[in-house]
N, C-alpha and C. Protein backbone atom coordinates (compact mmCIF):
# COMPACT_ATOMS: atom_id res chain seq x y z
N UNK A 1 135.62 11.44 -70.40
CA UNK A 1 135.79 11.87 -72.05
C UNK A 1 134.99 13.19 -72.23
N UNK A 2 135.61 13.92 -73.19
CA UNK A 2 134.95 14.83 -73.68
C UNK A 2 134.44 14.76 -75.15
N UNK A 3 133.12 15.41 -75.33
CA UNK A 3 132.68 15.09 -76.75
C UNK A 3 132.00 16.32 -77.28
N UNK A 4 132.02 16.55 -78.57
CA UNK A 4 131.44 17.71 -79.35
C UNK A 4 130.09 17.15 -80.16
N UNK A 5 128.93 17.60 -79.59
CA UNK A 5 128.07 17.06 -80.18
C UNK A 5 127.07 18.14 -80.98
N UNK A 6 126.79 17.86 -82.02
CA UNK A 6 126.15 18.76 -83.15
C UNK A 6 124.52 18.17 -82.90
N UNK A 7 123.86 19.25 -82.55
CA UNK A 7 122.42 18.93 -82.34
C UNK A 7 121.45 19.55 -83.29
N UNK A 8 120.71 18.92 -83.96
CA UNK A 8 119.81 19.56 -85.16
C UNK A 8 118.24 19.24 -84.75
N UNK A 9 117.68 20.21 -84.60
CA UNK A 9 116.02 19.84 -84.25
C UNK A 9 115.14 20.42 -85.38
N UNK A 10 114.33 19.55 -85.81
CA UNK A 10 113.23 19.85 -86.63
C UNK A 10 111.87 19.65 -85.89
N UNK A 11 111.16 20.78 -85.87
CA UNK A 11 109.71 20.44 -85.21
C UNK A 11 108.65 19.94 -86.11
N UNK A 12 107.97 18.88 -85.77
CA UNK A 12 107.06 18.38 -86.83
C UNK A 12 105.99 19.42 -87.18
N UNK A 13 105.77 19.43 -88.25
CA UNK A 13 104.69 20.38 -88.93
C UNK A 13 103.33 20.19 -88.16
N UNK A 14 102.93 21.11 -87.56
CA UNK A 14 101.34 20.97 -86.95
C UNK A 14 101.55 20.99 -85.47
N UNK A 15 102.98 20.94 -85.13
CA UNK A 15 103.09 21.07 -83.67
C UNK A 15 102.56 22.49 -83.08
N UNK A 16 101.75 22.49 -81.81
CA UNK A 16 101.17 23.79 -81.35
C UNK A 16 102.32 24.51 -80.85
N UNK A 17 102.28 25.79 -80.88
CA UNK A 17 103.23 26.51 -80.12
C UNK A 17 103.40 26.52 -78.80
N UNK A 18 102.28 26.02 -78.15
CA UNK A 18 102.29 25.73 -76.78
C UNK A 18 103.11 24.53 -76.38
N UNK A 19 103.06 23.48 -77.33
CA UNK A 19 103.79 22.29 -77.13
C UNK A 19 105.29 22.64 -77.23
N UNK A 20 105.50 23.37 -78.33
CA UNK A 20 107.03 23.87 -78.34
C UNK A 20 107.44 24.50 -77.26
N UNK A 21 106.86 25.45 -76.74
CA UNK A 21 107.38 26.29 -75.76
C UNK A 21 107.37 25.25 -74.41
N UNK A 22 106.59 24.50 -74.15
CA UNK A 22 106.84 23.38 -73.17
C UNK A 22 108.04 22.87 -73.18
N UNK A 23 108.26 22.15 -74.45
CA UNK A 23 109.39 21.44 -74.64
C UNK A 23 110.81 22.30 -74.38
N UNK A 24 110.74 23.47 -74.92
CA UNK A 24 111.92 24.38 -74.69
C UNK A 24 112.12 24.87 -73.38
N UNK A 25 110.86 24.82 -72.45
CA UNK A 25 111.07 25.44 -71.18
C UNK A 25 111.91 24.26 -70.12
N UNK A 26 111.35 23.01 -70.65
CA UNK A 26 111.90 21.75 -69.89
C UNK A 26 113.31 21.41 -70.28
N UNK A 27 113.52 21.84 -71.58
CA UNK A 27 115.13 21.51 -72.03
C UNK A 27 116.00 22.68 -71.31
N UNK A 28 115.53 23.71 -71.15
CA UNK A 28 116.51 24.70 -70.40
C UNK A 28 116.65 24.27 -69.22
N UNK A 29 115.61 23.70 -68.40
CA UNK A 29 115.65 23.34 -66.86
C UNK A 29 116.50 22.21 -67.03
N UNK A 30 116.44 21.34 -67.79
CA UNK A 30 117.02 20.06 -67.95
C UNK A 30 118.71 20.36 -68.26
N UNK A 31 118.97 21.22 -69.09
CA UNK A 31 120.28 21.92 -69.42
C UNK A 31 120.96 22.36 -68.09
N UNK A 32 120.31 23.00 -67.33
CA UNK A 32 120.79 23.32 -66.09
C UNK A 32 121.37 22.20 -65.01
N UNK A 33 120.27 21.10 -64.98
CA UNK A 33 120.71 19.94 -64.12
C UNK A 33 122.06 19.20 -64.81
N UNK A 34 122.05 19.21 -66.13
CA UNK A 34 123.10 18.61 -66.63
C UNK A 34 124.58 19.52 -66.41
N UNK A 35 124.45 20.52 -66.57
CA UNK A 35 125.56 21.61 -66.32
C UNK A 35 126.10 21.45 -64.61
N UNK A 36 125.01 21.24 -63.89
CA UNK A 36 125.48 21.15 -62.52
C UNK A 36 126.00 19.86 -62.07
N UNK A 37 125.64 18.75 -62.80
CA UNK A 37 126.19 17.35 -62.89
C UNK A 37 127.45 17.35 -63.46
N UNK A 38 127.95 18.30 -64.33
CA UNK A 38 129.15 18.25 -64.90
C UNK A 38 129.11 17.54 -66.42
N UNK A 39 128.02 17.12 -66.90
CA UNK A 39 127.93 16.46 -68.20
C UNK A 39 127.88 17.50 -69.33
N UNK A 40 127.25 18.75 -69.09
CA UNK A 40 127.13 19.81 -70.29
C UNK A 40 128.17 20.92 -69.72
N UNK A 41 128.93 21.22 -70.62
CA UNK A 41 129.92 22.07 -70.26
C UNK A 41 130.04 23.43 -71.00
N UNK A 42 129.55 23.42 -72.35
CA UNK A 42 129.39 24.40 -73.09
C UNK A 42 128.12 24.15 -73.94
N UNK A 43 127.50 25.54 -74.40
CA UNK A 43 126.50 25.27 -75.46
C UNK A 43 126.36 26.45 -76.47
N UNK A 44 126.38 26.22 -77.63
CA UNK A 44 126.33 27.45 -78.53
C UNK A 44 125.33 27.23 -79.86
N UNK A 45 125.07 28.22 -80.25
CA UNK A 45 124.07 28.33 -81.43
C UNK A 45 125.22 28.00 -82.59
N UNK A 46 124.74 27.43 -83.53
CA UNK A 46 125.69 27.12 -84.71
C UNK A 46 124.79 27.56 -86.02
N UNK A 47 125.35 27.75 -87.06
CA UNK A 47 124.88 28.12 -88.39
C UNK A 47 124.05 26.96 -88.71
N UNK A 48 122.79 27.46 -89.33
CA UNK A 48 121.59 26.49 -89.47
C UNK A 48 121.00 26.78 -90.91
N UNK A 49 120.08 25.87 -91.36
CA UNK A 49 119.27 25.97 -92.36
C UNK A 49 118.01 26.37 -92.05
N UNK A 50 117.11 27.02 -93.11
CA UNK A 50 115.78 27.46 -92.63
C UNK A 50 115.05 26.04 -92.02
N UNK A 51 114.18 26.51 -91.04
CA UNK A 51 113.28 25.38 -90.61
C UNK A 51 113.87 24.58 -89.59
N UNK A 52 115.02 24.73 -89.15
CA UNK A 52 115.86 24.00 -88.20
C UNK A 52 116.53 24.60 -86.95
N UNK A 53 116.55 24.22 -85.91
CA UNK A 53 117.47 24.60 -84.82
C UNK A 53 118.71 23.93 -84.90
N UNK A 54 119.85 24.40 -84.56
CA UNK A 54 120.96 23.70 -84.64
C UNK A 54 121.78 24.45 -83.34
N UNK A 55 122.45 23.55 -82.62
CA UNK A 55 123.31 23.76 -81.59
C UNK A 55 124.48 22.88 -81.50
N UNK A 56 125.49 23.42 -80.98
CA UNK A 56 126.62 22.66 -80.51
C UNK A 56 127.06 22.59 -79.16
N UNK A 57 127.32 21.35 -78.60
CA UNK A 57 127.39 21.07 -77.36
C UNK A 57 128.59 20.53 -76.89
N UNK A 58 129.22 21.13 -75.84
CA UNK A 58 130.64 20.24 -75.41
C UNK A 58 130.16 19.58 -74.20
N UNK A 59 130.23 18.24 -74.16
CA UNK A 59 129.50 17.24 -73.13
C UNK A 59 130.94 16.52 -72.41
N UNK A 60 130.51 16.07 -71.13
CA UNK A 60 131.59 15.28 -70.46
C UNK A 60 130.78 13.93 -70.11
N UNK A 61 131.36 12.81 -70.25
CA UNK A 61 130.89 11.55 -70.00
C UNK A 61 131.74 10.53 -69.81
N UNK A 62 131.41 9.32 -69.02
CA UNK A 62 132.74 8.40 -68.79
C UNK A 62 132.95 7.60 -70.09
N UNK A 63 131.80 7.36 -70.86
CA UNK A 63 132.07 6.80 -72.37
C UNK A 63 130.85 7.10 -72.96
N UNK A 64 130.84 6.47 -74.35
CA UNK A 64 129.86 6.80 -75.25
C UNK A 64 128.36 6.40 -74.87
N UNK A 65 128.37 5.34 -73.96
CA UNK A 65 127.21 4.78 -73.53
C UNK A 65 126.67 5.73 -72.70
N UNK A 66 127.33 6.17 -71.68
CA UNK A 66 126.70 7.25 -70.74
C UNK A 66 126.32 8.49 -71.61
N UNK A 67 127.02 8.95 -72.47
CA UNK A 67 126.90 9.99 -73.23
C UNK A 67 125.45 10.03 -74.01
N UNK A 68 125.29 8.76 -74.51
CA UNK A 68 123.98 8.50 -74.95
C UNK A 68 122.65 8.54 -74.04
N UNK A 69 123.12 8.29 -72.74
CA UNK A 69 121.86 8.22 -71.81
C UNK A 69 121.78 9.73 -71.56
N UNK A 70 122.90 10.45 -71.56
CA UNK A 70 122.74 12.00 -71.24
C UNK A 70 121.99 12.65 -72.25
N UNK A 71 122.20 12.39 -73.65
CA UNK A 71 121.52 13.04 -74.71
C UNK A 71 120.14 12.59 -74.74
N UNK A 72 119.85 11.38 -74.53
CA UNK A 72 118.53 10.73 -74.69
C UNK A 72 117.40 11.37 -73.52
N UNK A 73 118.25 11.91 -72.44
CA UNK A 73 117.29 12.54 -71.26
C UNK A 73 116.88 13.83 -71.41
N UNK A 74 117.39 14.37 -72.66
CA UNK A 74 117.07 15.71 -72.87
C UNK A 74 115.59 15.88 -73.56
N UNK A 75 114.83 16.89 -73.09
CA UNK A 75 113.41 16.61 -73.66
C UNK A 75 113.30 17.02 -75.22
N UNK A 76 114.30 17.77 -75.80
CA UNK A 76 114.43 18.20 -77.15
C UNK A 76 114.57 16.90 -78.28
N UNK A 77 115.29 15.96 -77.43
CA UNK A 77 115.59 14.64 -78.30
C UNK A 77 114.50 13.99 -79.14
N UNK A 78 113.39 14.38 -78.63
CA UNK A 78 112.21 13.69 -79.41
C UNK A 78 111.95 14.25 -80.91
N UNK A 79 112.83 15.44 -81.04
CA UNK A 79 112.52 16.29 -82.46
C UNK A 79 113.93 16.48 -83.10
N UNK A 80 115.03 15.73 -82.33
CA UNK A 80 116.40 16.09 -82.74
C UNK A 80 117.12 15.07 -83.08
N UNK A 81 118.20 15.24 -83.97
CA UNK A 81 119.24 14.17 -84.36
C UNK A 81 120.66 14.63 -83.58
N UNK A 82 121.30 13.82 -83.32
CA UNK A 82 122.60 14.19 -82.76
C UNK A 82 123.84 13.55 -83.34
N UNK A 83 124.81 14.37 -83.76
CA UNK A 83 126.14 13.83 -84.38
C UNK A 83 127.18 14.04 -83.52
N UNK A 84 127.89 12.87 -82.92
CA UNK A 84 129.00 12.89 -81.91
C UNK A 84 130.24 12.92 -82.33
N UNK A 85 131.18 13.55 -82.02
CA UNK A 85 132.45 13.55 -82.22
C UNK A 85 133.28 13.34 -80.83
N UNK A 86 133.95 12.16 -80.81
CA UNK A 86 134.95 12.04 -79.48
C UNK A 86 136.01 13.11 -79.70
N UNK A 87 136.43 13.62 -78.88
CA UNK A 87 137.53 14.53 -78.41
C UNK A 87 138.54 13.80 -77.67
N UNK A 88 139.93 13.85 -78.11
CA UNK A 88 141.04 13.41 -77.19
C UNK A 88 141.83 14.40 -76.75
N UNK A 89 142.55 14.14 -75.69
CA UNK A 89 143.40 15.41 -75.01
C UNK A 89 144.49 15.64 -75.91
N UNK A 90 144.77 17.03 -75.88
CA UNK A 90 146.02 17.47 -76.63
C UNK A 90 147.04 18.16 -75.61
N UNK A 91 148.30 17.74 -75.84
CA UNK A 91 149.16 18.44 -75.06
C UNK A 91 149.39 19.75 -74.81
N UNK A 92 148.86 20.50 -75.89
CA UNK A 92 148.88 22.01 -75.77
C UNK A 92 147.67 22.75 -75.18
N UNK A 93 146.65 21.76 -74.73
CA UNK A 93 145.29 22.31 -74.38
C UNK A 93 145.58 23.17 -73.21
N UNK A 94 145.15 24.45 -73.32
CA UNK A 94 145.15 25.34 -72.07
C UNK A 94 144.53 24.90 -70.84
N UNK A 95 143.29 23.95 -70.78
CA UNK A 95 142.77 23.31 -69.66
C UNK A 95 143.79 22.59 -68.89
N UNK A 96 145.05 22.37 -69.33
CA UNK A 96 146.10 21.60 -68.58
C UNK A 96 146.86 22.78 -67.81
N UNK A 97 146.54 24.02 -67.92
CA UNK A 97 147.36 25.02 -67.27
C UNK A 97 146.37 25.51 -65.96
N UNK A 98 146.95 26.05 -65.11
CA UNK A 98 146.30 26.64 -64.02
C UNK A 98 145.59 28.15 -64.60
N UNK A 99 145.84 28.56 -65.58
CA UNK A 99 145.13 29.78 -65.98
C UNK A 99 144.07 29.41 -66.79
N UNK A 100 143.27 28.47 -66.84
CA UNK A 100 142.23 28.21 -67.53
C UNK A 100 141.03 29.04 -67.12
N UNK A 101 140.50 29.58 -68.12
CA UNK A 101 139.46 30.58 -68.02
C UNK A 101 138.21 30.14 -68.86
N UNK A 102 137.16 29.84 -68.14
CA UNK A 102 135.98 29.16 -69.09
C UNK A 102 134.86 30.35 -69.07
N UNK A 103 135.02 31.44 -68.60
CA UNK A 103 133.97 32.44 -68.75
C UNK A 103 134.23 33.30 -69.96
N UNK A 104 133.09 33.40 -70.45
CA UNK A 104 133.29 34.30 -71.72
C UNK A 104 133.31 35.70 -71.56
N UNK A 105 134.31 36.12 -72.18
CA UNK A 105 134.53 37.58 -72.11
C UNK A 105 133.69 38.62 -73.05
N UNK A 106 133.06 39.72 -72.28
CA UNK A 106 132.29 40.59 -73.12
C UNK A 106 132.82 41.04 -74.33
N UNK A 107 132.34 41.11 -75.46
CA UNK A 107 132.95 41.74 -76.74
C UNK A 107 133.78 40.87 -77.51
N UNK A 108 133.82 39.72 -77.09
CA UNK A 108 134.48 38.55 -77.89
C UNK A 108 133.68 37.67 -78.77
N UNK A 109 134.07 37.18 -79.90
CA UNK A 109 133.36 36.20 -80.42
C UNK A 109 134.09 34.87 -80.37
N UNK A 110 133.36 33.84 -80.32
CA UNK A 110 133.93 32.56 -80.20
C UNK A 110 133.88 31.70 -81.57
N UNK A 111 134.75 30.97 -81.74
CA UNK A 111 135.22 30.12 -82.94
C UNK A 111 135.45 28.85 -82.84
N UNK A 112 135.00 27.74 -83.27
CA UNK A 112 135.34 26.51 -83.44
C UNK A 112 136.30 26.39 -84.61
N UNK A 113 137.51 25.72 -84.59
CA UNK A 113 138.42 26.04 -85.58
C UNK A 113 139.09 24.45 -85.78
N UNK A 114 138.96 23.81 -86.75
CA UNK A 114 139.72 22.38 -86.90
C UNK A 114 141.01 22.85 -87.92
N UNK A 115 141.88 22.48 -87.58
CA UNK A 115 143.23 22.58 -88.03
C UNK A 115 143.81 21.40 -88.58
N UNK A 116 144.23 21.25 -89.90
CA UNK A 116 144.64 20.11 -90.47
C UNK A 116 146.23 20.28 -90.79
N UNK A 117 147.09 19.56 -90.12
CA UNK A 117 148.49 19.73 -90.56
C UNK A 117 149.18 18.85 -91.50
N UNK A 118 149.50 19.39 -92.48
CA UNK A 118 150.31 18.41 -93.39
C UNK A 118 151.68 18.77 -93.44
N UNK A 119 152.62 18.15 -93.17
CA UNK A 119 154.12 18.40 -93.03
C UNK A 119 154.66 17.97 -94.68
N UNK A 120 155.12 18.94 -95.46
CA UNK A 120 155.63 18.94 -96.64
C UNK A 120 156.80 17.48 -96.87
N UNK A 121 156.57 16.79 -97.66
CA UNK A 121 157.64 15.88 -98.07
C UNK A 121 158.86 16.22 -97.90
N UNK A 122 159.86 15.51 -97.17
CA UNK A 122 161.32 15.87 -97.44
C UNK A 122 161.62 16.94 -96.25
N UNK A 123 160.66 17.37 -95.39
CA UNK A 123 161.17 18.22 -94.42
C UNK A 123 161.94 17.55 -93.43
N UNK A 124 163.25 18.16 -93.09
CA UNK A 124 164.05 17.53 -92.24
C UNK A 124 163.17 17.20 -90.69
N UNK A 125 163.46 16.10 -89.89
CA UNK A 125 162.85 15.92 -88.79
C UNK A 125 163.00 16.92 -87.75
N UNK A 126 164.45 17.52 -87.48
CA UNK A 126 164.58 18.60 -86.77
C UNK A 126 163.79 19.79 -86.94
N UNK A 127 163.59 20.24 -88.26
CA UNK A 127 162.85 21.40 -88.51
C UNK A 127 161.36 20.98 -87.94
N UNK A 128 160.83 19.92 -88.18
CA UNK A 128 159.46 19.42 -87.71
C UNK A 128 159.43 19.68 -86.13
N UNK A 129 160.52 19.05 -85.42
CA UNK A 129 160.50 19.22 -84.02
C UNK A 129 160.58 20.72 -83.45
N UNK A 130 161.42 21.38 -84.14
CA UNK A 130 161.44 22.67 -83.73
C UNK A 130 160.40 23.54 -83.93
N UNK A 131 159.59 23.36 -84.96
CA UNK A 131 158.42 24.10 -85.28
C UNK A 131 157.37 23.74 -84.29
N UNK A 132 157.27 22.42 -83.97
CA UNK A 132 156.15 21.81 -83.05
C UNK A 132 156.56 22.58 -81.59
N UNK A 133 157.58 22.62 -81.31
CA UNK A 133 158.15 23.12 -80.12
C UNK A 133 157.63 24.62 -80.03
N UNK A 134 157.90 25.40 -81.08
CA UNK A 134 157.63 26.77 -81.02
C UNK A 134 156.05 26.87 -81.13
N UNK A 135 155.35 26.09 -81.84
CA UNK A 135 153.97 25.96 -81.61
C UNK A 135 153.28 25.66 -80.32
N UNK A 136 153.98 24.87 -79.46
CA UNK A 136 153.46 24.55 -78.17
C UNK A 136 153.65 26.02 -77.34
N UNK A 137 154.84 26.68 -77.50
CA UNK A 137 155.01 27.77 -76.69
C UNK A 137 154.09 28.95 -77.16
N UNK A 138 153.74 29.17 -78.43
CA UNK A 138 152.79 29.92 -79.02
C UNK A 138 151.41 29.63 -78.40
N UNK A 139 150.98 28.38 -78.29
CA UNK A 139 149.62 28.11 -77.86
C UNK A 139 149.65 28.34 -76.36
N UNK A 140 150.85 28.31 -75.60
CA UNK A 140 150.70 28.79 -74.26
C UNK A 140 150.55 30.25 -74.12
N UNK A 141 151.14 31.01 -75.09
CA UNK A 141 151.04 32.57 -74.97
C UNK A 141 149.54 32.84 -75.36
N UNK A 142 149.01 32.14 -76.42
CA UNK A 142 147.58 32.57 -76.82
C UNK A 142 146.74 32.06 -75.71
N UNK A 143 146.90 30.97 -74.88
CA UNK A 143 145.91 30.54 -73.77
C UNK A 143 146.11 31.78 -72.56
N UNK A 144 147.21 32.19 -72.34
CA UNK A 144 147.31 33.04 -71.46
C UNK A 144 146.78 34.35 -71.77
N UNK A 145 146.72 34.76 -73.20
CA UNK A 145 146.02 35.77 -73.44
C UNK A 145 144.42 35.96 -73.55
N UNK A 146 144.17 34.51 -73.42
CA UNK A 146 142.49 34.29 -73.65
C UNK A 146 142.22 34.12 -74.88
N UNK A 147 143.02 33.90 -75.92
CA UNK A 147 142.53 33.60 -77.36
C UNK A 147 142.29 32.13 -77.61
N UNK A 148 143.11 31.31 -77.04
CA UNK A 148 142.86 29.84 -76.94
C UNK A 148 142.41 29.41 -75.79
N UNK A 149 141.24 28.81 -75.89
CA UNK A 149 140.50 28.35 -74.67
C UNK A 149 140.63 26.97 -74.52
N UNK A 150 140.28 25.95 -75.47
CA UNK A 150 140.51 24.50 -75.43
C UNK A 150 141.16 24.11 -76.61
N UNK A 151 141.93 23.06 -76.70
CA UNK A 151 142.19 22.35 -77.83
C UNK A 151 142.54 20.84 -77.64
N UNK A 152 141.90 20.03 -78.72
CA UNK A 152 141.85 18.85 -78.52
C UNK A 152 142.32 18.28 -79.81
N UNK A 153 142.67 16.93 -79.84
CA UNK A 153 143.17 16.09 -81.00
C UNK A 153 141.95 15.40 -81.54
N UNK A 154 141.77 15.32 -83.02
CA UNK A 154 140.58 14.53 -83.47
C UNK A 154 141.45 13.60 -84.36
N UNK A 155 140.58 12.63 -85.00
CA UNK A 155 141.23 11.73 -86.03
C UNK A 155 141.62 12.36 -87.42
N UNK A 156 142.49 11.84 -88.02
CA UNK A 156 143.03 12.38 -89.09
C UNK A 156 143.41 11.32 -90.18
N UNK A 157 143.63 11.83 -91.35
CA UNK A 157 144.15 10.63 -92.50
C UNK A 157 145.71 10.47 -92.24
N UNK A 158 146.14 9.27 -92.65
CA UNK A 158 147.76 9.05 -92.63
C UNK A 158 148.16 10.22 -93.12
N UNK A 159 149.48 10.50 -92.32
CA UNK A 159 150.40 11.73 -92.68
C UNK A 159 149.85 13.05 -92.51
N UNK A 160 148.80 13.13 -91.67
CA UNK A 160 148.39 14.39 -91.42
C UNK A 160 148.07 14.32 -89.68
N UNK A 161 147.90 15.37 -88.96
CA UNK A 161 147.37 15.62 -87.73
C UNK A 161 146.40 16.58 -87.76
N UNK A 162 145.15 16.40 -86.95
CA UNK A 162 144.12 17.44 -86.84
C UNK A 162 143.99 17.82 -85.28
N UNK A 163 143.70 19.02 -85.14
CA UNK A 163 143.20 19.33 -83.88
C UNK A 163 141.98 20.40 -83.99
N UNK A 164 141.26 20.42 -82.83
CA UNK A 164 140.05 20.99 -82.71
C UNK A 164 140.22 22.19 -81.69
N UNK A 165 139.97 23.31 -81.96
CA UNK A 165 140.35 24.53 -80.97
C UNK A 165 138.95 25.21 -80.84
N UNK A 166 138.90 25.71 -79.40
CA UNK A 166 137.89 26.70 -79.18
C UNK A 166 138.78 27.92 -78.96
N UNK A 167 138.38 28.94 -79.80
CA UNK A 167 139.22 30.27 -79.77
C UNK A 167 138.31 31.40 -79.48
N UNK A 168 138.77 32.52 -79.07
CA UNK A 168 138.33 33.80 -78.97
C UNK A 168 139.09 34.85 -79.59
N UNK A 169 138.30 35.94 -80.17
CA UNK A 169 138.80 37.05 -80.75
C UNK A 169 137.98 38.13 -80.89
N UNK A 170 138.25 39.36 -81.20
CA UNK A 170 137.26 40.50 -81.33
C UNK A 170 136.49 40.37 -82.55
N UNK A 171 137.04 39.55 -83.75
CA UNK A 171 136.27 39.59 -84.70
C UNK A 171 137.02 38.59 -85.51
N UNK A 172 136.45 38.23 -86.98
CA UNK A 172 136.85 37.37 -87.89
C UNK A 172 138.58 37.74 -88.28
N UNK A 173 138.57 38.95 -88.52
CA UNK A 173 139.78 39.49 -89.04
C UNK A 173 140.95 39.27 -87.81
N UNK A 174 140.50 39.50 -86.69
CA UNK A 174 141.69 39.18 -85.38
C UNK A 174 141.96 37.70 -85.50
N UNK A 175 140.86 36.93 -85.61
CA UNK A 175 141.03 35.57 -85.43
C UNK A 175 142.03 34.91 -86.46
N UNK A 176 141.67 35.56 -87.91
CA UNK A 176 142.69 35.02 -88.88
C UNK A 176 144.20 35.42 -88.62
N UNK A 177 144.50 36.74 -88.06
CA UNK A 177 145.71 37.19 -87.83
C UNK A 177 146.50 36.28 -86.71
N UNK A 178 145.48 35.95 -85.80
CA UNK A 178 146.08 34.94 -84.60
C UNK A 178 146.55 33.46 -85.54
N UNK A 179 145.71 33.25 -86.19
CA UNK A 179 146.04 31.89 -86.98
C UNK A 179 147.32 32.05 -87.76
N UNK A 180 147.50 33.03 -88.44
CA UNK A 180 148.71 33.43 -89.21
C UNK A 180 150.04 33.39 -88.14
N UNK A 181 149.64 33.74 -87.03
CA UNK A 181 150.66 34.05 -86.12
C UNK A 181 151.48 32.53 -85.64
N UNK A 182 150.51 31.39 -85.94
CA UNK A 182 150.94 30.08 -85.48
C UNK A 182 152.18 29.55 -86.26
N UNK A 183 153.39 29.06 -85.50
CA UNK A 183 154.44 28.59 -86.27
C UNK A 183 154.09 27.47 -87.46
N UNK A 184 153.00 26.68 -87.07
CA UNK A 184 152.78 25.61 -88.02
C UNK A 184 151.87 26.16 -89.27
N UNK A 185 151.47 27.50 -89.18
CA UNK A 185 150.54 28.10 -90.20
C UNK A 185 150.84 27.64 -91.54
N UNK A 186 152.16 27.68 -92.36
CA UNK A 186 152.34 27.37 -93.40
C UNK A 186 152.10 25.83 -93.77
N UNK A 187 151.86 25.11 -92.77
CA UNK A 187 151.62 23.65 -93.28
C UNK A 187 150.12 23.30 -92.80
N UNK A 188 149.33 24.23 -92.61
CA UNK A 188 148.07 23.94 -92.14
C UNK A 188 146.85 24.35 -92.97
N UNK A 189 145.59 23.80 -92.82
CA UNK A 189 144.61 24.37 -93.40
C UNK A 189 143.56 24.39 -92.42
N UNK A 190 142.54 25.34 -92.20
CA UNK A 190 141.75 25.70 -91.24
C UNK A 190 140.28 25.71 -91.84
N UNK A 191 139.52 24.94 -90.94
CA UNK A 191 137.96 25.05 -91.06
C UNK A 191 137.40 25.64 -90.00
N UNK A 192 136.55 27.10 -90.11
CA UNK A 192 136.31 27.62 -89.03
C UNK A 192 134.93 27.74 -88.88
N UNK A 193 134.27 27.76 -87.65
CA UNK A 193 132.82 27.87 -87.49
C UNK A 193 132.55 28.93 -86.63
N UNK A 194 131.83 29.91 -86.81
CA UNK A 194 131.67 31.15 -85.91
C UNK A 194 130.54 30.68 -84.95
N UNK A 195 130.68 30.83 -83.63
CA UNK A 195 129.72 30.36 -82.71
C UNK A 195 128.84 31.59 -82.14
N UNK A 196 127.60 31.23 -82.14
CA UNK A 196 126.81 32.15 -81.53
C UNK A 196 126.30 31.88 -79.98
N UNK A 197 126.02 32.93 -79.42
CA UNK A 197 125.60 32.62 -77.88
C UNK A 197 124.40 31.77 -77.65
N UNK A 198 124.29 31.22 -76.71
CA UNK A 198 123.10 30.19 -76.42
C UNK A 198 122.87 30.60 -75.13
N UNK A 199 121.37 30.77 -74.84
CA UNK A 199 120.86 31.19 -73.63
C UNK A 199 121.11 30.22 -72.66
N UNK A 200 121.31 28.91 -72.98
CA UNK A 200 121.48 27.94 -71.83
C UNK A 200 122.98 27.47 -71.65
N UNK A 201 123.82 28.38 -72.21
CA UNK A 201 125.28 28.07 -72.00
C UNK A 201 125.79 28.18 -70.67
N UNK A 202 126.26 27.22 -69.91
CA UNK A 202 126.63 27.33 -68.59
C UNK A 202 127.83 28.45 -68.32
N UNK A 203 128.37 28.70 -69.24
CA UNK A 203 129.37 29.74 -69.01
C UNK A 203 128.95 31.05 -69.23
N UNK A 204 128.03 31.41 -69.59
CA UNK A 204 127.37 32.90 -69.67
C UNK A 204 126.49 33.16 -68.90
N UNK A 205 125.64 32.16 -68.22
CA UNK A 205 124.52 32.51 -67.26
C UNK A 205 124.28 31.40 -66.29
N UNK A 206 123.91 31.98 -65.09
CA UNK A 206 123.59 30.93 -64.21
C UNK A 206 122.03 30.74 -64.14
N UNK A 207 121.23 31.57 -64.91
CA UNK A 207 119.93 31.42 -64.91
C UNK A 207 119.44 31.07 -66.39
N UNK A 208 119.40 29.82 -66.60
CA UNK A 208 119.16 29.18 -67.87
C UNK A 208 117.75 29.59 -68.16
N UNK A 209 117.55 30.15 -69.58
CA UNK A 209 116.22 30.30 -70.13
C UNK A 209 115.98 29.33 -71.28
N UNK A 210 114.82 29.53 -72.08
CA UNK A 210 114.55 28.58 -73.05
C UNK A 210 115.70 28.29 -74.02
N UNK A 211 115.92 27.09 -74.33
CA UNK A 211 117.02 26.76 -75.25
C UNK A 211 116.26 26.13 -76.58
N UNK A 212 117.44 25.85 -77.48
CA UNK A 212 116.79 25.13 -78.71
C UNK A 212 117.99 25.26 -79.65
């Protein structure tokens, strides 16, 4: 299974710089080990509040218990709280295709976007089916173009469906244009998080440096 983990770290007041440096160095080394084991798939910087470190991690584990073992093994866990979201497979996920590309392309920005789809009442079933079919084809095209990297299903309210996507674009304006090209766009709302590069992200470096 795959999980998205929001990791928020607060270093206790009075902690020496040497102690912080030691924990971050050990965290980077352990991140490398977890990537080699197939547990840490991606790691990003996330928007944060003053006085905290905040990262988003894409992890893989057999179940939630094994994931907790993985998270508890990370040196920064002593100062960190983790929020875990379970991710379910989506039929339009580009990872299902042979063209899956996990490497980050230079000059692109990555976005995590939650799309909530609410079909208006009274919409004919055939219209819904046709639109979803066109959406699947458009997702395939965007995957081939490198814009849609991953797609998962996430829990939703009754009468809605929700997806979480990892996307790439040159900037926010291009990302918005891509969203507006989706056949389901008239029926959806989007929550977008712009992702920052993390030095310990397995997709961008083989030599992991200090993380946090």
